[in-house]
Protein backbone atom coordinates (compact mmCIF):
# COMPACT_ATOMS: atom_id res chain seq x y z
CA UNK A 1 0.00 0.00 0.00
CA UNK A 2 1.32 3.45 -0.94
CA UNK A 3 2.04 5.76 1.99
CA UNK A 4 0.38 9.05 1.11
CA UNK A 5 1.50 10.86 4.23
CA UNK A 6 5.16 11.41 3.49
CA UNK A 7 4.88 12.23 -0.23
CA UNK A 8 6.83 15.38 -0.96
CA UNK A 9 7.55 16.21 2.68
CA UNK A 10 11.19 16.36 3.71
CA UNK A 11 10.66 17.73 7.24
CA UNK A 12 10.18 15.03 9.91
CA UNK A 13 6.64 15.00 11.27
CA UNK A 14 7.85 15.46 14.84
CA UNK A 15 9.54 18.71 13.79
CA UNK A 16 6.34 19.94 12.11
CA UNK A 17 4.32 19.15 15.24
CA UNK A 18 6.79 20.94 17.52
CA UNK A 19 6.72 23.99 15.25
CA UNK A 20 2.92 24.04 15.27
CA UNK A 21 2.79 23.83 19.06
CA UNK A 22 5.21 26.73 19.51
CA UNK A 23 3.92 29.18 16.92
CA UNK A 24 0.55 29.91 15.43
CA UNK A 25 0.99 32.26 12.49
CA UNK A 26 -1.75 33.83 10.44
CA UNK A 27 0.09 32.63 7.31
CA UNK A 28 -2.81 30.57 6.02
CA UNK A 29 -6.50 31.28 5.99
CA UNK A 30 -7.99 30.41 9.35
CA UNK A 31 -4.78 29.56 11.23
CA UNK A 32 -5.26 32.65 13.37
CA UNK A 33 -8.60 31.20 14.53
CA UNK A 34 -7.14 27.85 15.67
CA UNK A 35 -8.01 26.79 19.18
CA UNK A 36 -5.28 24.17 19.52
CA UNK A 37 -1.84 23.26 18.27
CA UNK A 38 -3.27 19.97 17.00
CA UNK A 39 -5.66 21.84 14.70
CA UNK A 40 -2.81 23.93 13.31
CA UNK A 41 -0.58 20.88 12.90
CA UNK A 42 -3.20 18.89 10.97
CA UNK A 43 -4.20 21.90 8.87
CA UNK A 44 -0.59 22.60 7.91
CA UNK A 45 0.00 18.94 7.13
CA UNK A 46 -3.07 18.88 4.88
CA UNK A 47 -1.64 21.92 3.09
CA UNK A 48 1.43 19.83 2.13
CA UNK A 49 -0.60 17.21 0.23
CA UNK A 50 -1.64 17.89 -3.35
CA UNK A 51 -5.04 16.25 -2.75
CA UNK A 52 -5.92 18.52 0.17
CA UNK A 53 -3.96 21.76 -0.37
CA UNK A 54 -6.27 24.76 -0.20
CA UNK A 55 -9.38 22.68 0.45
CA UNK A 56 -9.72 22.99 4.24
CA UNK A 57 -10.45 25.93 6.52
CA UNK A 58 -9.91 26.04 10.26
CA UNK A 59 -12.71 26.70 12.74
CA UNK A 60 -15.30 27.43 10.11
CA UNK A 61 -18.73 28.60 11.27
CA UNK A 62 -21.76 27.12 9.56
CA UNK A 63 -25.26 28.63 9.60
CA UNK A 64 -26.66 25.74 11.63
CA UNK A 65 -28.30 26.67 14.93
CA UNK A 66 -26.27 25.22 17.80
CA UNK A 67 -25.88 26.38 21.39
CA UNK A 68 -26.04 30.05 22.30
CA UNK A 69 -23.97 31.45 19.41
CA UNK A 70 -26.56 30.55 16.80
CA UNK A 71 -24.00 28.91 14.54
CA UNK A 72 -22.10 25.65 14.57
CA UNK A 73 -18.31 25.69 14.29
CA UNK A 74 -16.18 22.79 13.05
CA UNK A 75 -12.45 22.34 13.58
CA UNK A 76 -11.65 21.73 9.90
CA UNK A 77 -14.05 22.03 6.98
CA UNK A 78 -13.82 21.12 3.32
CA UNK A 79 -16.93 22.97 2.10
CA UNK A 80 -16.90 21.60 -1.46
CA UNK A 81 -16.96 17.99 -0.22
CA UNK A 82 -19.16 18.84 2.79
CA UNK A 83 -16.59 17.11 5.01
CA UNK A 84 -16.20 18.20 8.63
CA UNK A 85 -13.26 17.09 10.76
CA UNK A 86 -13.43 17.32 14.54
CA UNK A 87 -10.43 16.81 16.82
CA UNK A 88 -11.19 15.71 20.36
CA UNK A 89 -8.98 16.03 23.41
CA UNK A 90 -9.30 13.72 26.40
CA UNK A 91 -11.94 15.99 27.97
CA UNK A 92 -14.37 15.04 25.20
CA UNK A 93 -14.38 11.45 26.46
CA UNK A 94 -14.18 12.01 30.19
CA UNK A 95 -16.96 14.60 30.44
CA UNK A 96 -20.46 13.22 29.76
CA UNK A 97 -21.78 16.68 28.85
CA UNK A 98 -19.00 17.24 26.29
CA UNK A 99 -19.64 13.77 24.88
CA UNK A 100 -23.38 14.51 24.49
CA UNK A 101 -22.64 17.90 22.94
CA UNK A 102 -20.35 16.27 20.36
CA UNK A 103 -23.01 13.69 19.44
CA UNK A 104 -25.60 16.47 19.04
CA UNK A 105 -23.17 18.41 16.86
CA UNK A 106 -22.51 15.33 14.67
CA UNK A 107 -26.24 14.74 14.29
CA UNK A 108 -26.89 18.32 13.19
CA UNK A 109 -24.02 18.23 10.70
CA UNK A 110 -25.29 14.95 9.24
CA UNK A 111 -28.85 16.28 9.01
CA UNK A 112 -27.44 19.16 6.97
CA UNK A 113 -25.54 16.94 4.53
CA UNK A 114 -22.06 16.94 6.07
CA UNK A 115 -19.92 13.85 6.57
CA UNK A 116 -18.15 14.00 9.93
CA UNK A 117 -14.75 12.53 10.74
CA UNK A 118 -13.83 12.65 14.41
CA UNK A 119 -10.30 11.91 15.64
CA UNK A 120 -8.63 11.97 19.03
CA UNK A 121 -6.07 14.77 19.14
CA UNK A 122 -3.50 12.31 20.44
CA UNK A 123 -3.94 10.17 17.30
CA UNK A 124 -3.06 13.12 15.07
CA UNK A 125 0.38 13.09 16.66
CA UNK A 126 0.80 9.34 17.17
CA UNK A 127 -0.92 7.85 14.12
CA UNK A 128 -0.92 10.62 11.52
CA UNK A 129 -0.64 8.20 8.59
CA UNK A 130 -3.96 6.59 9.47
CA UNK A 131 -5.64 9.96 10.07
CA UNK A 132 -4.52 11.34 6.71
CA UNK A 133 -5.39 8.13 4.87
CA UNK A 134 -8.91 8.28 6.38
CA UNK A 135 -9.32 11.91 5.29
CA UNK A 136 -8.12 11.14 1.76
CA UNK A 137 -10.48 8.15 1.47
CA UNK A 138 -13.41 10.25 2.63
CA UNK A 139 -12.58 13.01 0.15
CA UNK A 140 -12.33 10.44 -2.65
CA UNK A 141 -15.80 9.12 -1.86
CA UNK A 142 -17.33 12.59 -1.52
CA UNK A 143 -16.35 13.76 -4.99
CA UNK A 144 -19.26 14.37 -7.29
């Protein structure tokens, strides 16, 4: 099986992750709105792949009523494929209210035609190949 993750990338992934955790630059659309280093890291990594470059935005708000703000926000969004990516820290699993909120968010996204991929933040760092392969497969299936 071809490894899509490392194609064209000379910088070790650990170095990219460390850079993302230390600095958050507004050098790409949406990076300044990132809420976590994991979001920035995955976004920047997606920008290095030909299949995903320029397709995702960070912390995109959708006109779907959710909570007090009146709009639903997703961690990463590919609008053309209607693909939403959510990255969950440990608190999402240990807090029953956060878990319920995430399920409600997924349901609303699905009702509005979005496909939701949800990953643990720790897996983005530890198992990036699988995360990226999953995203690429989903994008391939969502093409019209």
